[in-house]
């Protein structure tokens, strides 16, 4: 599904979802680790990719600063089971111009 327009913000010409964060866990991290992060940042798990053990979380954040604060909280844990914490970027498809 396409993101809601009100959930997409632009900062420094980069589009991302203001209420979504992507967390990549090590391969052997169980669901309980994702649930712990979900509770820690007051978010819900909305998607999971088993090939990378990645979870997408929906947060109640409405500004870039609030989203960055949640990302910083996760990173500050220095959890060895977390390999990366990222914004959910919005890609606009390229449509070639054909005269």
PDB file of N, CA and C in Angstrom:
ATOM      1  N   UNK A   1       0.835  -1.182   0.000  1.00  0.00           N
ATOM      2  CA  UNK A   1       0.000   0.000   0.000  1.00  0.00           C
ATOM      3  C   UNK A   1       0.877   1.242   0.000  1.00  0.00           C
ATOM      4  N   UNK A   2       0.397   2.261  -0.594  1.00  0.00           N
ATOM      5  CA  UNK A   2       1.115   3.529  -0.629  1.00  0.00           C
ATOM      6  C   UNK A   2       0.991   4.230   0.713  1.00  0.00           C
ATOM      7  N   UNK A   3       2.040   4.965   1.090  1.00  0.00           N
ATOM      8  CA  UNK A   3       1.949   5.700   2.355  1.00  0.00           C
ATOM      9  C   UNK A   3       0.950   6.842   2.254  1.00  0.00           C
ATOM     10  N   UNK A   4       0.393   7.222   3.385  1.00  0.00           N
ATOM     11  CA  UNK A   4      -0.508   8.372   3.426  1.00  0.00           C
ATOM     12  C   UNK A   4       0.324   9.635   3.216  1.00  0.00           C
ATOM     13  N   UNK A   5      -0.215  10.581   2.492  1.00  0.00           N
ATOM     14  CA  UNK A   5       0.494  11.824   2.195  1.00  0.00           C
ATOM     15  C   UNK A   5       0.928  12.541   3.468  1.00  0.00           C
ATOM     16  N   UNK A   6       0.079  12.520   4.505  1.00  0.00           N
ATOM     17  CA  UNK A   6       0.421  13.228   5.735  1.00  0.00           C
ATOM     18  C   UNK A   6       1.544  12.559   6.528  1.00  0.00           C
ATOM     19  N   UNK A   7       1.898  11.320   6.160  1.00  0.00           N
ATOM     20  CA  UNK A   7       2.985  10.614   6.832  1.00  0.00           C
ATOM     21  C   UNK A   7       4.334  10.804   6.145  1.00  0.00           C
ATOM     22  N   UNK A   8       4.341  11.436   4.986  1.00  0.00           N
ATOM     23  CA  UNK A   8       5.583  11.649   4.238  1.00  0.00           C
ATOM     24  C   UNK A   8       6.073  13.069   4.488  1.00  0.00           C
ATOM     25  N   UNK A   9       7.331  13.170   4.916  1.00  0.00           N
ATOM     26  CA  UNK A   9       7.930  14.490   5.088  1.00  0.00           C
ATOM     27  C   UNK A   9       9.212  14.567   4.279  1.00  0.00           C
ATOM     28  N   UNK A  10       9.658  15.767   4.020  1.00  0.00           N
ATOM     29  CA  UNK A  10      10.884  15.986   3.246  1.00  0.00           C
ATOM     30  C   UNK A  10      11.836  16.825   4.088  1.00  0.00           C
ATOM     31  N   UNK A  11      13.038  16.306   4.280  1.00  0.00           N
ATOM     32  CA  UNK A  11      14.092  17.018   4.993  1.00  0.00           C
ATOM     33  C   UNK A  11      15.341  16.939   4.134  1.00  0.00           C
ATOM     34  N   UNK A  12      15.906  18.090   3.801  1.00  0.00           N
ATOM     35  CA  UNK A  12      17.096  18.146   2.947  1.00  0.00           C
ATOM     36  C   UNK A  12      16.880  17.383   1.634  1.00  0.00           C
ATOM     37  N   UNK A  13      15.711  17.558   1.046  1.00  0.00           N
ATOM     38  CA  UNK A  13      15.339  16.934  -0.230  1.00  0.00           C
ATOM     39  C   UNK A  13      15.251  15.410  -0.164  1.00  0.00           C
ATOM     40  N   UNK A  14      15.101  14.855   1.032  1.00  0.00           N
ATOM     41  CA  UNK A  14      14.964  13.410   1.208  1.00  0.00           C
ATOM     42  C   UNK A  14      13.580  13.147   1.780  1.00  0.00           C
ATOM     43  N   UNK A  15      12.825  12.256   1.129  1.00  0.00           N
ATOM     44  CA  UNK A  15      11.472  11.899   1.572  1.00  0.00           C
ATOM     45  C   UNK A  15      11.532  10.641   2.437  1.00  0.00           C
ATOM     46  N   UNK A  16      10.853  10.718   3.566  1.00  0.00           N
ATOM     47  CA  UNK A  16      10.750   9.542   4.422  1.00  0.00           C
ATOM     48  C   UNK A  16       9.454   9.610   5.222  1.00  0.00           C
ATOM     49  N   UNK A  17       9.094   8.457   5.782  1.00  0.00           N
ATOM     50  CA  UNK A  17       7.888   8.386   6.603  1.00  0.00           C
ATOM     51  C   UNK A  17       8.202   8.908   7.996  1.00  0.00           C
ATOM     52  N   UNK A  18       7.382   9.816   8.471  1.00  0.00           N
ATOM     53  CA  UNK A  18       7.598  10.447   9.767  1.00  0.00           C
ATOM     54  C   UNK A  18       7.260   9.514  10.928  1.00  0.00           C
ATOM     55  N   UNK A  19       6.579   8.430  10.638  1.00  0.00           N
ATOM     56  CA  UNK A  19       6.101   7.543  11.699  1.00  0.00           C
ATOM     57  C   UNK A  19       6.534   6.089  11.529  1.00  0.00           C
ATOM     58  N   UNK A  20       7.672   5.876  10.869  1.00  0.00           N
ATOM     59  CA  UNK A  20       8.097   4.506  10.610  1.00  0.00           C
ATOM     60  C   UNK A  20       9.607   4.371  10.773  1.00  0.00           C
ATOM     61  N   UNK A  21      10.006   3.289  11.390  1.00  0.00           N
ATOM     62  CA  UNK A  21      11.428   2.989  11.543  1.00  0.00           C
ATOM     63  C   UNK A  21      11.653   1.512  11.217  1.00  0.00           C
ATOM     64  N   UNK A  22      12.801   1.236  10.626  1.00  0.00           N
ATOM     65  CA  UNK A  22      13.184  -0.105  10.191  1.00  0.00           C
ATOM     66  C   UNK A  22      14.356  -0.540  11.071  1.00  0.00           C
ATOM     67  N   UNK A  23      14.212  -1.693  11.716  1.00  0.00           N
ATOM     68  CA  UNK A  23      15.271  -2.209  12.580  1.00  0.00           C
ATOM     69  C   UNK A  23      15.694  -3.582  12.062  1.00  0.00           C
ATOM     70  N   UNK A  24      16.998  -3.703  11.797  1.00  0.00           N
ATOM     71  CA  UNK A  24      17.563  -4.957  11.319  1.00  0.00           C
ATOM     72  C   UNK A  24      18.257  -5.651  12.487  1.00  0.00           C
ATOM     73  N   UNK A  25      17.817  -6.863  12.792  1.00  0.00           N
ATOM     74  CA  UNK A  25      18.380  -7.639  13.887  1.00  0.00           C
ATOM     75  C   UNK A  25      19.335  -8.705  13.348  1.00  0.00           C
ATOM     76  N   UNK A  26      20.234  -9.188  14.205  1.00  0.00           N
ATOM     77  CA  UNK A  26      21.097 -10.305  13.826  1.00  0.00           C
ATOM     78  C   UNK A  26      20.204 -11.506  13.543  1.00  0.00           C
ATOM     79  N   UNK A  27      20.749 -12.459  12.805  1.00  0.00           N
ATOM     80  CA  UNK A  27      19.956 -13.598  12.348  1.00  0.00           C
ATOM     81  C   UNK A  27      19.284 -14.391  13.462  1.00  0.00           C
ATOM     82  N   UNK A  28      19.948 -14.528  14.617  1.00  0.00           N
ATOM     83  CA  UNK A  28      19.377 -15.382  15.661  1.00  0.00           C
ATOM     84  C   UNK A  28      18.546 -14.619  16.700  1.00  0.00           C
ATOM     85  N   UNK A  29      18.283 -13.335  16.459  1.00  0.00           N
ATOM     86  CA  UNK A  29      17.443 -12.566  17.391  1.00  0.00           C
ATOM     87  C   UNK A  29      15.987 -13.016  17.250  1.00  0.00           C
ATOM     88  N   UNK A  30      15.349 -13.378  18.356  1.00  0.00           N
ATOM     89  CA  UNK A  30      13.953 -13.843  18.288  1.00  0.00           C
ATOM     90  C   UNK A  30      12.958 -12.682  18.245  1.00  0.00           C
ATOM     91  N   UNK A  31      11.723 -13.017  17.995  1.00  0.00           N
ATOM     92  CA  UNK A  31      10.630 -12.048  17.977  1.00  0.00           C
ATOM     93  C   UNK A  31      10.579 -11.242  19.278  1.00  0.00           C
ATOM     94  N   UNK A  32      10.912 -11.861  20.386  1.00  0.00           N
ATOM     95  CA  UNK A  32      10.866 -11.180  21.674  1.00  0.00           C
ATOM     96  C   UNK A  32      11.739  -9.915  21.682  1.00  0.00           C
ATOM     97  N   UNK A  33      12.839  -9.930  20.954  1.00  0.00           N
ATOM     98  CA  UNK A  33      13.687  -8.733  20.874  1.00  0.00           C
ATOM     99  C   UNK A  33      12.963  -7.610  20.143  1.00  0.00           C
ATOM    100  N   UNK A  34      12.273  -7.944  19.080  1.00  0.00           N
ATOM    101  CA  UNK A  34      11.504  -6.932  18.345  1.00  0.00           C
ATOM    102  C   UNK A  34      10.354  -6.413  19.205  1.00  0.00           C
ATOM    103  N   UNK A  35       9.708  -7.282  19.947  1.00  0.00           N
ATOM    104  CA  UNK A  35       8.626  -6.855  20.835  1.00  0.00           C
ATOM    105  C   UNK A  35       9.147  -5.932  21.932  1.00  0.00           C
ATOM    106  N   UNK A  36      10.337  -6.206  22.430  1.00  0.00           N
ATOM    107  CA  UNK A  36      10.946  -5.355  23.451  1.00  0.00           C
ATOM    108  C   UNK A  36      11.213  -3.957  22.899  1.00  0.00           C
ATOM    109  N   UNK A  37      11.739  -3.874  21.666  1.00  0.00           N
ATOM    110  CA  UNK A  37      11.989  -2.579  21.030  1.00  0.00           C
ATOM    111  C   UNK A  37      10.666  -1.870  20.771  1.00  0.00           C
ATOM    112  N   UNK A  38       9.674  -2.610  20.335  1.00  0.00           N
ATOM    113  CA  UNK A  38       8.354  -2.034  20.084  1.00  0.00           C
ATOM    114  C   UNK A  38       7.814  -1.352  21.339  1.00  0.00           C
ATOM    115  N   UNK A  39       7.902  -2.023  22.451  1.00  0.00           N
ATOM    116  CA  UNK A  39       7.444  -1.461  23.723  1.00  0.00           C
ATOM    117  C   UNK A  39       8.302  -0.261  24.134  1.00  0.00           C
ATOM    118  N   UNK A  40       9.599  -0.360  23.916  1.00  0.00           N
ATOM    119  CA  UNK A  40      10.547   0.679  24.317  1.00  0.00           C
ATOM    120  C   UNK A  40      10.286   2.012  23.609  1.00  0.00           C
ATOM    121  N   UNK A  41       9.870   1.943  22.332  1.00  0.00           N
ATOM    122  CA  UNK A  41       9.635   3.172  21.566  1.00  0.00           C
ATOM    123  C   UNK A  41       8.147   3.449  21.345  1.00  0.00           C
ATOM    124  N   UNK A  42       7.295   2.710  22.049  1.00  0.00           N
ATOM    125  CA  UNK A  42       5.843   2.910  21.958  1.00  0.00           C
ATOM    126  C   UNK A  42       5.351   2.763  20.514  1.00  0.00           C
ATOM    127  N   UNK A  43       5.742   1.670  19.894  1.00  0.00           N
ATOM    128  CA  UNK A  43       5.407   1.440  18.485  1.00  0.00           C
ATOM    129  C   UNK A  43       4.735   0.090  18.319  1.00  0.00           C
ATOM    130  N   UNK A  44       4.214  -0.133  17.115  1.00  0.00           N
ATOM    131  CA  UNK A  44       3.682  -1.459  16.807  1.00  0.00           C
ATOM    132  C   UNK A  44       4.435  -2.010  15.603  1.00  0.00           C
ATOM    133  N   UNK A  45       4.594  -3.317  15.600  1.00  0.00           N
ATOM    134  CA  UNK A  45       5.254  -3.987  14.480  1.00  0.00           C
ATOM    135  C   UNK A  45       4.244  -4.073  13.343  1.00  0.00           C
ATOM    136  N   UNK A  46       4.651  -3.572  12.167  1.00  0.00           N
ATOM    137  CA  UNK A  46       3.731  -3.589  11.031  1.00  0.00           C
ATOM    138  C   UNK A  46       4.207  -4.490   9.896  1.00  0.00           C
ATOM    139  N   UNK A  47       5.477  -4.906   9.942  1.00  0.00           N
ATOM    140  CA  UNK A  47       5.981  -5.767   8.885  1.00  0.00           C
ATOM    141  C   UNK A  47       7.247  -6.471   9.361  1.00  0.00           C
ATOM    142  N   UNK A  48       7.533  -7.602   8.717  1.00  0.00           N
ATOM    143  CA  UNK A  48       8.694  -8.416   9.060  1.00  0.00           C
ATOM    144  C   UNK A  48       9.238  -9.043   7.798  1.00  0.00           C
ATOM    145  N   UNK A  49      10.562  -9.037   7.649  1.00  0.00           N
ATOM    146  CA  UNK A  49      11.229  -9.703   6.527  1.00  0.00           C
ATOM    147  C   UNK A  49      12.108 -10.807   7.100  1.00  0.00           C
ATOM    148  N   UNK A  50      11.695 -12.062   6.967  1.00  0.00           N
ATOM    149  CA  UNK A  50      12.467 -13.158   7.567  1.00  0.00           C
ATOM    150  C   UNK A  50      13.837 -13.376   6.919  1.00  0.00           C
ATOM    151  N   UNK A  51      14.008 -12.949   5.681  1.00  0.00           N
ATOM    152  CA  UNK A  51      15.308 -13.166   5.026  1.00  0.00           C
ATOM    153  C   UNK A  51      16.404 -12.296   5.629  1.00  0.00           C
ATOM    154  N   UNK A  52      16.030 -11.151   6.204  1.00  0.00           N
ATOM    155  CA  UNK A  52      17.016 -10.264   6.822  1.00  0.00           C
ATOM    156  C   UNK A  52      16.784 -10.083   8.323  1.00  0.00           C
ATOM    157  N   UNK A  53      15.754 -10.716   8.854  1.00  0.00           N
ATOM    158  CA  UNK A  53      15.345 -10.559  10.249  1.00  0.00           C
ATOM    159  C   UNK A  53      15.149  -9.078  10.581  1.00  0.00           C
ATOM    160  N   UNK A  54      14.437  -8.395   9.699  1.00  0.00           N
ATOM    161  CA  UNK A  54      14.152  -6.967   9.839  1.00  0.00           C
ATOM    162  C   UNK A  54      12.682  -6.747  10.165  1.00  0.00           C
ATOM    163  N   UNK A  55      12.457  -5.745  11.003  1.00  0.00           N
ATOM    164  CA  UNK A  55      11.105  -5.376  11.402  1.00  0.00           C
ATOM    165  C   UNK A  55      10.858  -3.917  11.071  1.00  0.00           C
ATOM    166  N   UNK A  56       9.633  -3.608  10.691  1.00  0.00           N
ATOM    167  CA  UNK A  56       9.203  -2.231  10.476  1.00  0.00           C
ATOM    168  C   UNK A  56       8.226  -1.895  11.581  1.00  0.00           C
ATOM    169  N   UNK A  57       8.468  -0.748  12.205  1.00  0.00           N
ATOM    170  CA  UNK A  57       7.660  -0.302  13.324  1.00  0.00           C
ATOM    171  C   UNK A  57       6.927   0.975  12.955  1.00  0.00           C
ATOM    172  N   UNK A  58       5.668   1.070  13.361  1.00  0.00           N
ATOM    173  CA  UNK A  58       4.898   2.304  13.190  1.00  0.00           C
ATOM    174  C   UNK A  58       4.850   2.993  14.540  1.00  0.00           C
ATOM    175  N   UNK A  59       5.262   4.265  14.546  1.00  0.00           N
ATOM    176  CA  UNK A  59       5.340   5.050  15.773  1.00  0.00           C
ATOM    177  C   UNK A  59       4.304   6.159  15.772  1.00  0.00           C
ATOM    178  N   UNK A  60       4.017   6.721  16.945  1.00  0.00           N
ATOM    179  CA  UNK A  60       3.087   7.853  17.008  1.00  0.00           C
ATOM    180  C   UNK A  60       3.781   9.198  16.740  1.00  0.00           C
ATOM    181  N   UNK A  61       4.945   9.178  16.127  1.00  0.00           N
ATOM    182  CA  UNK A  61       5.701  10.401  15.860  1.00  0.00           C
ATOM    183  C   UNK A  61       5.078  11.193  14.713  1.00  0.00           C
ATOM    184  N   UNK A  62       5.158  12.536  14.811  1.00  0.00           N
ATOM    185  CA  UNK A  62       4.595  13.394  13.766  1.00  0.00           C
ATOM    186  C   UNK A  62       5.596  14.411  13.222  1.00  0.00           C
ATOM    187  N   UNK A  63       6.816  14.414  13.749  1.00  0.00           N
ATOM    188  CA  UNK A  63       7.842  15.329  13.253  1.00  0.00           C
ATOM    189  C   UNK A  63       9.147  14.561  13.045  1.00  0.00           C
ATOM    190  N   UNK A  64      10.024  15.161  12.251  1.00  0.00           N
ATOM    191  CA  UNK A  64      11.338  14.556  12.023  1.00  0.00           C
ATOM    192  C   UNK A  64      12.117  14.454  13.328  1.00  0.00           C
ATOM    193  N   UNK A  65      11.997  15.455  14.186  1.00  0.00           N
ATOM    194  CA  UNK A  65      12.716  15.445  15.464  1.00  0.00           C
ATOM    195  C   UNK A  65      12.231  14.313  16.371  1.00  0.00           C
ATOM    196  N   UNK A  66      10.920  14.085  16.410  1.00  0.00           N
ATOM    197  CA  UNK A  66      10.376  12.992  17.214  1.00  0.00           C
ATOM    198  C   UNK A  66      10.847  11.640  16.687  1.00  0.00           C
ATOM    199  N   UNK A  67      10.848  11.486  15.377  1.00  0.00           N
ATOM    200  CA  UNK A  67      11.319  10.238  14.777  1.00  0.00           C
ATOM    201  C   UNK A  67      12.799  10.033  15.096  1.00  0.00           C
ATOM    202  N   UNK A  68      13.601  11.085  14.937  1.00  0.00           N
ATOM    203  CA  UNK A  68      15.032  10.963  15.213  1.00  0.00           C
ATOM    204  C   UNK A  68      15.284  10.620  16.674  1.00  0.00           C
ATOM    205  N   UNK A  69      14.472  11.151  17.566  1.00  0.00           N
ATOM    206  CA  UNK A  69      14.595  10.839  18.988  1.00  0.00           C
ATOM    207  C   UNK A  69      14.373   9.345  19.237  1.00  0.00           C
ATOM    208  N   UNK A  70      13.370   8.767  18.585  1.00  0.00           N
ATOM    209  CA  UNK A  70      13.102   7.329  18.726  1.00  0.00           C
ATOM    210  C   UNK A  70      14.268   6.512  18.170  1.00  0.00           C
ATOM    211  N   UNK A  71      14.786   6.912  17.017  1.00  0.00           N
ATOM    212  CA  UNK A  71      15.938   6.218  16.423  1.00  0.00           C
ATOM    213  C   UNK A  71      17.135   6.296  17.358  1.00  0.00           C
ATOM    214  N   UNK A  72      17.389   7.483  17.902  1.00  0.00           N
ATOM    215  CA  UNK A  72      18.517   7.675  18.824  1.00  0.00           C
ATOM    216  C   UNK A  72      18.360   6.822  20.081  1.00  0.00           C
ATOM    217  N   UNK A  73      17.116   6.689  20.597  1.00  0.00           N
ATOM    218  CA  UNK A  73      16.871   5.849  21.777  1.00  0.00           C
ATOM    219  C   UNK A  73      17.259   4.401  21.503  1.00  0.00           C
ATOM    220  N   UNK A  74      16.888   3.912  20.325  1.00  0.00           N
ATOM    221  CA  UNK A  74      17.225   2.522  19.978  1.00  0.00           C
ATOM    222  C   UNK A  74      18.741   2.376  19.848  1.00  0.00           C
ATOM    223  N   UNK A  75      19.368   3.285  19.126  1.00  0.00           N
ATOM    224  CA  UNK A  75      20.821   3.217  18.930  1.00  0.00           C
ATOM    225  C   UNK A  75      21.573   3.318  20.252  1.00  0.00           C
ATOM    226  N   UNK A  76      21.066   4.121  21.191  1.00  0.00           N
ATOM    227  CA  UNK A  76      21.734   4.312  22.486  1.00  0.00           C
ATOM    228  C   UNK A  76      21.751   3.030  23.323  1.00  0.00           C
ATOM    229  N   UNK A  77      20.876   2.091  23.007  1.00  0.00           N
ATOM    230  CA  UNK A  77      20.877   0.811  23.719  1.00  0.00           C
ATOM    231  C   UNK A  77      22.169   0.032  23.475  1.00  0.00           C
ATOM    232  N   UNK A  78      22.800   0.294  22.337  1.00  0.00           N
ATOM    233  CA  UNK A  78      23.999  -0.467  21.942  1.00  0.00           C
ATOM    234  C   UNK A  78      23.747  -1.967  22.036  1.00  0.00           C
ATOM    235  N   UNK A  79      22.566  -2.364  21.606  1.00  0.00           N
ATOM    236  CA  UNK A  79      22.144  -3.755  21.663  1.00  0.00           C
ATOM    237  C   UNK A  79      22.908  -4.558  20.608  1.00  0.00           C
ATOM    238  N   UNK A  80      23.672  -5.577  21.021  1.00  0.00           N
ATOM    239  CA  UNK A  80      24.440  -6.358  20.047  1.00  0.00           C
ATOM    240  C   UNK A  80      23.563  -7.156  19.075  1.00  0.00           C
ATOM    241  N   UNK A  81      22.271  -7.266  19.380  1.00  0.00           N
ATOM    242  CA  UNK A  81      21.366  -7.988  18.483  1.00  0.00           C
ATOM    243  C   UNK A  81      20.820  -7.089  17.379  1.00  0.00           C
ATOM    244  N   UNK A  82      21.073  -5.779  17.472  1.00  0.00           N
ATOM    245  CA  UNK A  82      20.587  -4.837  16.465  1.00  0.00           C
ATOM    246  C   UNK A  82      21.743  -4.451  15.538  1.00  0.00           C
ATOM    247  N   UNK A  83      21.539  -4.707  14.250  1.00  0.00           N
ATOM    248  CA  UNK A  83      22.570  -4.380  13.259  1.00  0.00           C
ATOM    249  C   UNK A  83      22.376  -3.001  12.639  1.00  0.00           C
ATOM    250  N   UNK A  84      21.154  -2.509  12.626  1.00  0.00           N
ATOM    251  CA  UNK A  84      20.912  -1.206  12.033  1.00  0.00           C
ATOM    252  C   UNK A  84      19.535  -0.680  12.352  1.00  0.00           C
ATOM    253  N   UNK A  85      19.441   0.661  12.394  1.00  0.00           N
ATOM    254  CA  UNK A  85      18.181   1.349  12.638  1.00  0.00           C
ATOM    255  C   UNK A  85      18.080   2.454  11.598  1.00  0.00           C
ATOM    256  N   UNK A  86      17.029   2.419  10.797  1.00  0.00           N
ATOM    257  CA  UNK A  86      16.917   3.344   9.677  1.00  0.00           C
ATOM    258  C   UNK A  86      15.536   3.964   9.583  1.00  0.00           C
ATOM    259  N   UNK A  87      15.509   5.135   8.968  1.00  0.00           N
ATOM    260  CA  UNK A  87      14.234   5.724   8.565  1.00  0.00           C
ATOM    261  C   UNK A  87      13.673   4.885   7.431  1.00  0.00           C
ATOM    262  N   UNK A  88      12.385   5.024   7.217  1.00  0.00           N
ATOM    263  CA  UNK A  88      11.734   4.361   6.079  1.00  0.00           C
ATOM    264  C   UNK A  88      11.624   5.387   4.958  1.00  0.00           C
ATOM    265  N   UNK A  89      12.561   5.298   4.015  1.00  0.00           N
ATOM    266  CA  UNK A  89      12.616   6.258   2.914  1.00  0.00           C
ATOM    267  C   UNK A  89      11.516   5.991   1.900  1.00  0.00           C
ATOM    268  N   UNK A  90      11.053   7.041   1.265  1.00  0.00           N
ATOM    269  CA  UNK A  90      10.003   6.944   0.260  1.00  0.00           C
ATOM    270  C   UNK A  90      10.652   7.181  -1.095  1.00  0.00           C
ATOM    271  N   UNK A  91      10.560   6.200  -1.941  1.00  0.00           N
ATOM    272  CA  UNK A  91      11.132   6.269  -3.280  1.00  0.00           C
ATOM    273  C   UNK A  91      10.030   6.658  -4.258  1.00  0.00           C
ATOM    274  N   UNK A  92      10.315   7.669  -5.039  1.00  0.00           N
ATOM    275  CA  UNK A  92       9.368   8.081  -6.074  1.00  0.00           C
ATOM    276  C   UNK A  92       9.815   7.421  -7.369  1.00  0.00           C
ATOM    277  N   UNK A  93       8.972   6.614  -7.971  1.00  0.00           N
ATOM    278  CA  UNK A  93       9.382   5.911  -9.190  1.00  0.00           C
ATOM    279  C   UNK A  93       9.702   6.879 -10.323  1.00  0.00           C
ATOM    280  N   UNK A  94      10.725   6.520 -11.069  1.00  0.00           N
ATOM    281  CA  UNK A  94      11.110   7.304 -12.239  1.00  0.00           C
ATOM    282  C   UNK A  94      10.207   6.916 -13.398  1.00  0.00           C
ATOM    283  N   UNK A  95       9.618   7.906 -14.027  1.00  0.00           N
ATOM    284  CA  UNK A  95       8.780   7.674 -15.194  1.00  0.00           C
ATOM    285  C   UNK A  95       9.444   8.415 -16.360  1.00  0.00           C
ATOM    286  N   UNK A  96       9.971   7.654 -17.311  1.00  0.00           N
ATOM    287  CA  UNK A  96      10.657   8.335 -18.412  1.00  0.00           C
ATOM    288  C   UNK A  96       9.694   9.163 -19.269  1.00  0.00           C
ATOM    289  N   UNK A  97      10.211  10.248 -19.756  1.00  0.00           N
ATOM    290  CA  UNK A  97       9.443  11.100 -20.642  1.00  0.00           C
ATOM    291  C   UNK A  97       9.592  10.580 -22.051  1.00  0.00           C
ATOM    292  N   UNK A  98       8.480  10.301 -22.670  1.00  0.00           N
ATOM    293  CA  UNK A  98       8.490   9.838 -24.059  1.00  0.00           C
ATOM    294  C   UNK A  98       7.665  10.842 -24.871  1.00  0.00           C
ATOM    295  N   UNK A  99       8.350  11.603 -25.751  1.00  0.00           N
ATOM    296  CA  UNK A  99       7.607  12.617 -26.536  1.00  0.00           C
ATOM    297  C   UNK A  99       6.669  12.000 -27.547  1.00  0.00           C
TER     298      UNK A  99
END
